[in-house]
Amino acid sequence: MIRQYTFGNIKESADIPEKVQYCCCELAEHLYQCDKRDKENDNAGIVSEKDGSWSATYESRDKVKENDQNTSKNIIYDWLADTGLLYCGVG
């Protein structure tokens, strides 16, 4: 996913920049939590709950997936926006 957003600007044969390493760690943790939530909990789409006379509001699976993808993108942009790695043009 990082390779996709950086257009192949990260050379894996060279030293990987520290920001890319931290981005990779945070992104991997996010994706792990999404996968864990989806496997362990059929209620992954709960957006709100109420305790008295229990109630729950659900999001569609598509909306949950979209939110997960947006969070992944935000993680990448937060870490790499000022590195020049997200630039796809000729430098």
PDB file of N, CA and C in Angstrom:
ATOM      1  N   MET A   1       0.831  -1.185   0.000  1.00  0.00           N
ATOM      2  CA  MET A   1       0.000   0.000   0.000  1.00  0.00           C
ATOM      3  C   MET A   1       0.880   1.256   0.000  1.00  0.00           C
ATOM      4  N   ILE A   2       1.960   1.224   0.761  1.00  0.00           N
ATOM      5  CA  ILE A   2       2.881   2.360   0.782  1.00  0.00           C
ATOM      6  C   ILE A   2       3.531   2.519  -0.588  1.00  0.00           C
ATOM      7  N   ARG A   3       3.916   1.427  -1.200  1.00  0.00           N
ATOM      8  CA  ARG A   3       4.511   1.476  -2.541  1.00  0.00           C
ATOM      9  C   ARG A   3       3.524   2.108  -3.528  1.00  0.00           C
ATOM     10  N   GLN A   4       2.266   1.775  -3.402  1.00  0.00           N
ATOM     11  CA  GLN A   4       1.241   2.321  -4.297  1.00  0.00           C
ATOM     12  C   GLN A   4       1.159   3.840  -4.151  1.00  0.00           C
ATOM     13  N   TYR A   5       1.130   4.345  -2.938  1.00  0.00           N
ATOM     14  CA  TYR A   5       1.007   5.783  -2.711  1.00  0.00           C
ATOM     15  C   TYR A   5       2.292   6.550  -3.013  1.00  0.00           C
ATOM     16  N   THR A   6       3.421   5.882  -2.980  1.00  0.00           N
ATOM     17  CA  THR A   6       4.694   6.562  -3.237  1.00  0.00           C
ATOM     18  C   THR A   6       5.184   6.352  -4.665  1.00  0.00           C
ATOM     19  N   PHE A   7       4.412   5.683  -5.492  1.00  0.00           N
ATOM     20  CA  PHE A   7       4.730   5.519  -6.914  1.00  0.00           C
ATOM     21  C   PHE A   7       6.109   4.896  -7.123  1.00  0.00           C
ATOM     22  N   GLY A   8       6.507   4.004  -6.241  1.00  0.00           N
ATOM     23  CA  GLY A   8       7.795   3.337  -6.369  1.00  0.00           C
ATOM     24  C   GLY A   8       8.984   4.222  -6.032  1.00  0.00           C
ATOM     25  N   ASN A   9       8.751   5.331  -5.339  1.00  0.00           N
ATOM     26  CA  ASN A   9       9.830   6.250  -4.990  1.00  0.00           C
ATOM     27  C   ASN A   9      10.718   5.762  -3.852  1.00  0.00           C
ATOM     28  N   ILE A  10      10.350   4.680  -3.201  1.00  0.00           N
ATOM     29  CA  ILE A  10      11.167   4.139  -2.111  1.00  0.00           C
ATOM     30  C   ILE A  10      12.010   3.009  -2.686  1.00  0.00           C
ATOM     31  N   LYS A  11      13.288   3.178  -2.646  1.00  0.00           N
ATOM     32  CA  LYS A  11      14.209   2.160  -3.149  1.00  0.00           C
ATOM     33  C   LYS A  11      14.521   1.185  -2.025  1.00  0.00           C
ATOM     34  N   GLU A  12      14.042  -0.035  -2.165  1.00  0.00           N
ATOM     35  CA  GLU A  12      14.198  -1.026  -1.101  1.00  0.00           C
ATOM     36  C   GLU A  12      15.627  -1.527  -0.959  1.00  0.00           C
ATOM     37  N   SER A  13      16.452  -1.312  -1.972  1.00  0.00           N
ATOM     38  CA  SER A  13      17.842  -1.753  -1.866  1.00  0.00           C
ATOM     39  C   SER A  13      18.677  -0.759  -1.064  1.00  0.00           C
ATOM     40  N   ALA A  14      18.161   0.441  -0.866  1.00  0.00           N
ATOM     41  CA  ALA A  14      18.860   1.464  -0.092  1.00  0.00           C
ATOM     42  C   ALA A  14      18.332   1.460   1.344  1.00  0.00           C
ATOM     43  N   ASP A  15      18.909   2.321   2.165  1.00  0.00           N
ATOM     44  CA  ASP A  15      18.398   2.466   3.529  1.00  0.00           C
ATOM     45  C   ASP A  15      16.999   3.070   3.467  1.00  0.00           C
ATOM     46  N   ILE A  16      16.066   2.438   4.137  1.00  0.00           N
ATOM     47  CA  ILE A  16      14.687   2.930   4.168  1.00  0.00           C
ATOM     48  C   ILE A  16      14.631   4.097   5.152  1.00  0.00           C
ATOM     49  N   PRO A  17      14.115   5.259   4.737  1.00  0.00           N
ATOM     50  CA  PRO A  17      14.025   6.408   5.640  1.00  0.00           C
ATOM     51  C   PRO A  17      13.209   6.084   6.896  1.00  0.00           C
ATOM     52  N   GLU A  18      13.572   6.709   7.989  1.00  0.00           N
ATOM     53  CA  GLU A  18      12.919   6.441   9.270  1.00  0.00           C
ATOM     54  C   GLU A  18      11.423   6.721   9.221  1.00  0.00           C
ATOM     55  N   LYS A  19      11.021   7.801   8.559  1.00  0.00           N
ATOM     56  CA  LYS A  19       9.586   8.118   8.464  1.00  0.00           C
ATOM     57  C   LYS A  19       8.825   7.004   7.751  1.00  0.00           C
ATOM     58  N   VAL A  20       9.430   6.404   6.751  1.00  0.00           N
ATOM     59  CA  VAL A  20       8.791   5.295   6.032  1.00  0.00           C
ATOM     60  C   VAL A  20       8.663   4.090   6.957  1.00  0.00           C
ATOM     61  N   GLN A  21       9.686   3.845   7.769  1.00  0.00           N
ATOM     62  CA  GLN A  21       9.635   2.728   8.710  1.00  0.00           C
ATOM     63  C   GLN A  21       8.511   2.924   9.727  1.00  0.00           C
ATOM     64  N   TYR A  22       8.398   4.144  10.281  1.00  0.00           N
ATOM     65  CA  TYR A  22       7.333   4.416  11.254  1.00  0.00           C
ATOM     66  C   TYR A  22       5.956   4.344  10.594  1.00  0.00           C
ATOM     67  N   CYS A  23       5.864   4.839   9.361  1.00  0.00           N
ATOM     68  CA  CYS A  23       4.616   4.759   8.612  1.00  0.00           C
ATOM     69  C   CYS A  23       4.205   3.306   8.434  1.00  0.00           C
ATOM     70  N   CYS A  24       5.166   2.485   8.064  1.00  0.00           N
ATOM     71  CA  CYS A  24       4.910   1.066   7.856  1.00  0.00           C
ATOM     72  C   CYS A  24       4.406   0.408   9.141  1.00  0.00           C
ATOM     73  N   CYS A  25       5.026   0.746  10.257  1.00  0.00           N
ATOM     74  CA  CYS A  25       4.614   0.171  11.548  1.00  0.00           C
ATOM     75  C   CYS A  25       3.192   0.584  11.912  1.00  0.00           C
ATOM     76  N   GLU A  26       2.899   1.888  11.786  1.00  0.00           N
ATOM     77  CA  GLU A  26       1.552   2.352  12.141  1.00  0.00           C
ATOM     78  C   GLU A  26       0.503   1.780  11.204  1.00  0.00           C
ATOM     79  N   LEU A  27       0.832   1.718   9.927  1.00  0.00           N
ATOM     80  CA  LEU A  27      -0.104   1.166   8.950  1.00  0.00           C
ATOM     81  C   LEU A  27      -0.336  -0.322   9.206  1.00  0.00           C
ATOM     82  N   ALA A  28       0.721  -1.050   9.493  1.00  0.00           N
ATOM     83  CA  ALA A  28       0.584  -2.483   9.787  1.00  0.00           C
ATOM     84  C   ALA A  28      -0.281  -2.698  11.022  1.00  0.00           C
ATOM     85  N   GLU A  29      -0.100  -1.879  12.045  1.00  0.00           N
ATOM     86  CA  GLU A  29      -0.922  -1.992  13.262  1.00  0.00           C
ATOM     87  C   GLU A  29      -2.386  -1.704  12.944  1.00  0.00           C
ATOM     88  N   HIS A  30      -2.635  -0.679  12.149  1.00  0.00           N
ATOM     89  CA  HIS A  30      -4.011  -0.339  11.767  1.00  0.00           C
ATOM     90  C   HIS A  30      -4.659  -1.498  10.990  1.00  0.00           C
ATOM     91  N   LEU A  31      -3.938  -2.019  10.006  1.00  0.00           N
ATOM     92  CA  LEU A  31      -4.490  -3.114   9.204  1.00  0.00           C
ATOM     93  C   LEU A  31      -4.706  -4.373  10.036  1.00  0.00           C
ATOM     94  N   TYR A  32      -3.804  -4.620  10.979  1.00  0.00           N
ATOM     95  CA  TYR A  32      -3.958  -5.764  11.880  1.00  0.00           C
ATOM     96  C   TYR A  32      -5.222  -5.601  12.729  1.00  0.00           C
ATOM     97  N   GLN A  33      -5.423  -4.400  13.282  1.00  0.00           N
ATOM     98  CA  GLN A  33      -6.603  -4.160  14.111  1.00  0.00           C
ATOM     99  C   GLN A  33      -7.889  -4.298  13.288  1.00  0.00           C
ATOM    100  N   CYS A  34      -7.874  -3.826  12.051  1.00  0.00           N
ATOM    101  CA  CYS A  34      -9.053  -3.971  11.177  1.00  0.00           C
ATOM    102  C   CYS A  34      -9.349  -5.443  10.923  1.00  0.00           C
ATOM    103  N   ASP A  35      -8.311  -6.189  10.597  1.00  0.00           N
ATOM    104  CA  ASP A  35      -8.472  -7.613  10.326  1.00  0.00           C
ATOM    105  C   ASP A  35      -8.956  -8.358  11.563  1.00  0.00           C
ATOM    106  N   LYS A  36      -8.364  -8.048  12.698  1.00  0.00           N
ATOM    107  CA  LYS A  36      -8.754  -8.678  13.966  1.00  0.00           C
ATOM    108  C   LYS A  36     -10.214  -8.361  14.285  1.00  0.00           C
ATOM    109  N   ARG A  37     -10.602  -7.107  14.135  1.00  0.00           N
ATOM    110  CA  ARG A  37     -11.988  -6.698  14.385  1.00  0.00           C
ATOM    111  C   ARG A  37     -12.941  -7.468  13.485  1.00  0.00           C
ATOM    112  N   ASP A  38     -12.593  -7.572  12.217  1.00  0.00           N
ATOM    113  CA  ASP A  38     -13.467  -8.248  11.263  1.00  0.00           C
ATOM    114  C   ASP A  38     -13.587  -9.742  11.533  1.00  0.00           C
ATOM    115  N   LYS A  39     -12.505 -10.369  11.983  1.00  0.00           N
ATOM    116  CA  LYS A  39     -12.534 -11.811  12.247  1.00  0.00           C
ATOM    117  C   LYS A  39     -13.196 -12.166  13.571  1.00  0.00           C
ATOM    118  N   GLU A  40     -12.999 -11.335  14.575  1.00  0.00           N
ATOM    119  CA  GLU A  40     -13.465 -11.666  15.918  1.00  0.00           C
ATOM    120  C   GLU A  40     -14.855 -11.150  16.227  1.00  0.00           C
ATOM    121  N   ASN A  41     -15.302 -10.164  15.480  1.00  0.00           N
ATOM    122  CA  ASN A  41     -16.498  -9.474  15.901  1.00  0.00           C
ATOM    123  C   ASN A  41     -17.446  -9.267  14.729  1.00  0.00           C
ATOM    124  N   ASP A  42     -18.589  -9.906  14.788  1.00  0.00           N
ATOM    125  CA  ASP A  42     -19.595  -9.695  13.753  1.00  0.00           C
ATOM    126  C   ASP A  42     -20.199  -8.298  13.844  1.00  0.00           C
ATOM    127  N   ASN A  43     -19.946  -7.618  14.955  1.00  0.00           N
ATOM    128  CA  ASN A  43     -20.498  -6.286  15.159  1.00  0.00           C
ATOM    129  C   ASN A  43     -19.504  -5.199  14.771  1.00  0.00           C
ATOM    130  N   ALA A  44     -18.666  -5.474  13.787  1.00  0.00           N
ATOM    131  CA  ALA A  44     -17.622  -4.530  13.389  1.00  0.00           C
ATOM    132  C   ALA A  44     -18.195  -3.191  12.945  1.00  0.00           C
ATOM    133  N   GLY A  45     -19.433  -3.175  12.493  1.00  0.00           N
ATOM    134  CA  GLY A  45     -20.017  -1.948  11.988  1.00  0.00           C
ATOM    135  C   GLY A  45     -20.781  -1.131  13.004  1.00  0.00           C
ATOM    136  N   ILE A  46     -20.650  -1.447  14.275  1.00  0.00           N
ATOM    137  CA  ILE A  46     -21.347  -0.675  15.296  1.00  0.00           C
ATOM    138  C   ILE A  46     -20.734   0.722  15.371  1.00  0.00           C
ATOM    139  N   VAL A  47     -21.578   1.758  15.221  1.00  0.00           N
ATOM    140  CA  VAL A  47     -21.089   3.127  15.335  1.00  0.00           C
ATOM    141  C   VAL A  47     -21.548   3.793  16.619  1.00  0.00           C
ATOM    142  N   SER A  48     -22.597   3.265  17.244  1.00  0.00           N
ATOM    143  CA  SER A  48     -23.003   3.788  18.551  1.00  0.00           C
ATOM    144  C   SER A  48     -23.786   2.720  19.301  1.00  0.00           C
ATOM    145  N   GLU A  49     -23.708   2.795  20.622  1.00  0.00           N
ATOM    146  CA  GLU A  49     -24.445   1.872  21.478  1.00  0.00           C
ATOM    147  C   GLU A  49     -25.104   2.673  22.592  1.00  0.00           C
ATOM    148  N   LYS A  50     -26.152   2.121  23.128  1.00  0.00           N
ATOM    149  CA  LYS A  50     -26.849   2.721  24.253  1.00  0.00           C
ATOM    150  C   LYS A  50     -27.015   1.624  25.278  1.00  0.00           C
ATOM    151  N   ASP A  51     -26.860   1.903  26.547  1.00  0.00           N
ATOM    152  CA  ASP A  51     -26.870   0.861  27.568  1.00  0.00           C
ATOM    153  C   ASP A  51     -28.272   0.566  28.100  1.00  0.00           C
ATOM    154  N   GLY A  52     -28.985   1.554  28.543  1.00  0.00           N
ATOM    155  CA  GLY A  52     -30.327   1.315  29.066  1.00  0.00           C
ATOM    156  C   GLY A  52     -31.249   0.861  27.952  1.00  0.00           C
ATOM    157  N   SER A  53     -31.908  -0.275  28.107  1.00  0.00           N
ATOM    158  CA  SER A  53     -32.682  -0.892  27.024  1.00  0.00           C
ATOM    159  C   SER A  53     -31.810  -0.949  25.786  1.00  0.00           C
ATOM    160  N   TRP A  54     -30.784  -1.710  25.878  1.00  0.00           N
ATOM    161  CA  TRP A  54     -29.680  -1.785  24.917  1.00  0.00           C
ATOM    162  C   TRP A  54     -30.101  -1.512  23.486  1.00  0.00           C
ATOM    163  N   SER A  55     -29.318  -0.707  22.806  1.00  0.00           N
ATOM    164  CA  SER A  55     -29.566  -0.343  21.422  1.00  0.00           C
ATOM    165  C   SER A  55     -28.218  -0.206  20.721  1.00  0.00           C
ATOM    166  N   ALA A  56     -28.179  -0.433  19.437  1.00  0.00           N
ATOM    167  CA  ALA A  56     -26.940  -0.268  18.669  1.00  0.00           C
ATOM    168  C   ALA A  56     -27.282   0.260  17.284  1.00  0.00           C
ATOM    169  N   THR A  57     -26.385   1.099  16.758  1.00  0.00           N
ATOM    170  CA  THR A  57     -26.515   1.615  15.398  1.00  0.00           C
ATOM    171  C   THR A  57     -25.352   1.065  14.593  1.00  0.00           C
ATOM    172  N   TYR A  58     -25.640   0.557  13.421  1.00  0.00           N
ATOM    173  CA  TYR A  58     -24.623  -0.101  12.603  1.00  0.00           C
ATOM    174  C   TYR A  58     -24.319   0.688  11.338  1.00  0.00           C
ATOM    175  N   GLU A  59     -23.083   0.560  10.873  1.00  0.00           N
ATOM    176  CA  GLU A  59     -22.686   1.048   9.561  1.00  0.00           C
ATOM    177  C   GLU A  59     -22.632  -0.147   8.624  1.00  0.00           C
ATOM    178  N   SER A  60     -22.807   0.110   7.353  1.00  0.00           N
ATOM    179  CA  SER A  60     -22.702  -0.972   6.382  1.00  0.00           C
ATOM    180  C   SER A  60     -21.248  -1.426   6.294  1.00  0.00           C
ATOM    181  N   ARG A  61     -21.037  -2.657   5.863  1.00  0.00           N
ATOM    182  CA  ARG A  61     -19.673  -3.187   5.676  1.00  0.00           C
ATOM    183  C   ARG A  61     -18.892  -2.321   4.691  1.00  0.00           C
ATOM    184  N   ASP A  62     -19.585  -1.823   3.651  1.00  0.00           N
ATOM    185  CA  ASP A  62     -18.920  -0.960   2.676  1.00  0.00           C
ATOM    186  C   ASP A  62     -18.426   0.326   3.323  1.00  0.00           C
ATOM    187  N   LYS A  63     -19.226   0.899   4.208  1.00  0.00           N
ATOM    188  CA  LYS A  63     -18.840   2.131   4.893  1.00  0.00           C
ATOM    189  C   LYS A  63     -17.671   1.879   5.846  1.00  0.00           C
ATOM    190  N   VAL A  64     -17.698   0.750   6.536  1.00  0.00           N
ATOM    191  CA  VAL A  64     -16.597   0.391   7.429  1.00  0.00           C
ATOM    192  C   VAL A  64     -15.313   0.232   6.619  1.00  0.00           C
ATOM    193  N   LYS A  65     -15.403  -0.445   5.493  1.00  0.00           N
ATOM    194  CA  LYS A  65     -14.232  -0.638   4.623  1.00  0.00           C
ATOM    195  C   LYS A  65     -13.720   0.700   4.104  1.00  0.00           C
ATOM    196  N   GLU A  66     -14.625   1.569   3.707  1.00  0.00           N
ATOM    197  CA  GLU A  66     -14.238   2.896   3.220  1.00  0.00           C
ATOM    198  C   GLU A  66     -13.520   3.688   4.320  1.00  0.00           C
ATOM    199  N   ASN A  67     -14.051   3.635   5.539  1.00  0.00           N
ATOM    200  CA  ASN A  67     -13.415   4.329   6.663  1.00  0.00           C
ATOM    201  C   ASN A  67     -12.023   3.765   6.937  1.00  0.00           C
ATOM    202  N   ASP A  68     -11.879   2.451   6.863  1.00  0.00           N
ATOM    203  CA  ASP A  68     -10.575   1.816   7.070  1.00  0.00           C
ATOM    204  C   ASP A  68      -9.581   2.268   6.003  1.00  0.00           C
ATOM    205  N   GLN A  69     -10.034   2.334   4.744  1.00  0.00           N
ATOM    206  CA  GLN A  69      -9.158   2.777   3.661  1.00  0.00           C
ATOM    207  C   GLN A  69      -8.756   4.240   3.827  1.00  0.00           C
ATOM    208  N   ASN A  70      -9.700   5.068   4.265  1.00  0.00           N
ATOM    209  CA  ASN A  70      -9.389   6.475   4.501  1.00  0.00           C
ATOM    210  C   ASN A  70      -8.388   6.636   5.640  1.00  0.00           C
ATOM    211  N   THR A  71      -8.540   5.833   6.671  1.00  0.00           N
ATOM    212  CA  THR A  71      -7.593   5.886   7.778  1.00  0.00           C
ATOM    213  C   THR A  71      -6.207   5.452   7.311  1.00  0.00           C
ATOM    214  N   SER A  72      -6.127   4.414   6.497  1.00  0.00           N
ATOM    215  CA  SER A  72      -4.839   3.972   5.951  1.00  0.00           C
ATOM    216  C   SER A  72      -4.189   5.085   5.144  1.00  0.00           C
ATOM    217  N   LYS A  73      -4.965   5.717   4.286  1.00  0.00           N
ATOM    218  CA  LYS A  73      -4.450   6.812   3.469  1.00  0.00           C
ATOM    219  C   LYS A  73      -3.957   7.953   4.351  1.00  0.00           C
ATOM    220  N   ASN A  74      -4.725   8.286   5.382  1.00  0.00           N
ATOM    221  CA  ASN A  74      -4.332   9.362   6.288  1.00  0.00           C
ATOM    222  C   ASN A  74      -3.034   9.046   7.016  1.00  0.00           C
ATOM    223  N   ILE A  75      -2.852   7.804   7.405  1.00  0.00           N
ATOM    224  CA  ILE A  75      -1.602   7.396   8.062  1.00  0.00           C
ATOM    225  C   ILE A  75      -0.433   7.638   7.120  1.00  0.00           C
ATOM    226  N   ILE A  76      -0.574   7.205   5.887  1.00  0.00           N
ATOM    227  CA  ILE A  76       0.499   7.380   4.905  1.00  0.00           C
ATOM    228  C   ILE A  76       0.779   8.858   4.674  1.00  0.00           C
ATOM    229  N   TYR A  77      -0.261   9.655   4.484  1.00  0.00           N
ATOM    230  CA  TYR A  77      -0.059  11.083   4.238  1.00  0.00           C
ATOM    231  C   TYR A  77       0.503  11.794   5.466  1.00  0.00           C
ATOM    232  N   ASP A  78       0.064  11.420   6.663  1.00  0.00           N
ATOM    233  CA  ASP A  78       0.602  12.045   7.874  1.00  0.00           C
ATOM    234  C   ASP A  78       2.107  11.842   7.986  1.00  0.00           C
ATOM    235  N   TRP A  79       2.567  10.634   7.686  1.00  0.00           N
ATOM    236  CA  TRP A  79       3.987  10.325   7.819  1.00  0.00           C
ATOM    237  C   TRP A  79       4.820  10.815   6.642  1.00  0.00           C
ATOM    238  N   LEU A  80       4.281  10.778   5.432  1.00  0.00           N
ATOM    239  CA  LEU A  80       5.114  10.968   4.244  1.00  0.00           C
ATOM    240  C   LEU A  80       4.832  12.232   3.445  1.00  0.00           C
ATOM    241  N   ALA A  81       3.890  13.064   3.883  1.00  0.00           N
ATOM    242  CA  ALA A  81       3.507  14.245   3.111  1.00  0.00           C
ATOM    243  C   ALA A  81       4.671  15.195   2.850  1.00  0.00           C
ATOM    244  N   ASP A  82       5.574  15.331   3.784  1.00  0.00           N
ATOM    245  CA  ASP A  82       6.661  16.299   3.621  1.00  0.00           C
ATOM    246  C   ASP A  82       7.981  15.659   3.190  1.00  0.00           C
ATOM    247  N   THR A  83       7.929  14.434   2.678  1.00  0.00           N
ATOM    248  CA  THR A  83       9.159  13.736   2.297  1.00  0.00           C
ATOM    249  C   THR A  83       9.447  13.798   0.803  1.00  0.00           C
ATOM    250  N   GLY A  84       8.473  14.184   0.000  1.00  0.00           N
ATOM    251  CA  GLY A  84       8.627  14.169  -1.445  1.00  0.00           C
ATOM    252  C   GLY A  84       8.369  12.782  -2.051  1.00  0.00           C
ATOM    253  N   LEU A  85       8.130  11.791  -1.222  1.00  0.00           N
ATOM    254  CA  LEU A  85       7.916  10.434  -1.710  1.00  0.00           C
ATOM    255  C   LEU A  85       6.534  10.243  -2.341  1.00  0.00           C
ATOM    256  N   LEU A  86       5.591  11.136  -2.041  1.00  0.00           N
ATOM    257  CA  LEU A  86       4.241  11.007  -2.573  1.00  0.00           C
ATOM    258  C   LEU A  86       4.099  11.699  -3.929  1.00  0.00           C
ATOM    259  N   TYR A  87       5.166  12.285  -4.420  1.00  0.00           N
ATOM    260  CA  TYR A  87       5.152  13.011  -5.685  1.00  0.00           C
ATOM    261  C   TYR A  87       5.350  12.041  -6.843  1.00  0.00           C
ATOM    262  N   CYS A  88       4.443  12.066  -7.816  1.00  0.00           N
ATOM    263  CA  CYS A  88       4.534  11.117  -8.930  1.00  0.00           C
ATOM    264  C   CYS A  88       5.140  11.716 -10.184  1.00  0.00           C
ATOM    265  N   GLY A  89       5.426  13.020 -10.178  1.00  0.00           N
ATOM    266  CA  GLY A  89       5.958  13.668 -11.374  1.00  0.00           C
ATOM    267  C   GLY A  89       7.454  13.478 -11.535  1.00  0.00           C
ATOM    268  N   VAL A  90       7.978  14.102 -12.567  1.00  0.00           N
ATOM    269  CA  VAL A  90       9.413  14.031 -12.854  1.00  0.00           C
ATOM    270  C   VAL A  90      10.123  15.056 -11.979  1.00  0.00           C
ATOM    271  N   GLY A  91      11.162  14.585 -11.306  1.00  0.00           N
ATOM    272  CA  GLY A  91      11.850  15.461 -10.359  1.00  0.00           C
ATOM    273  C   GLY A  91      13.072  16.117 -10.870  1.00  0.00           C
TER     274      GLY A  91
END
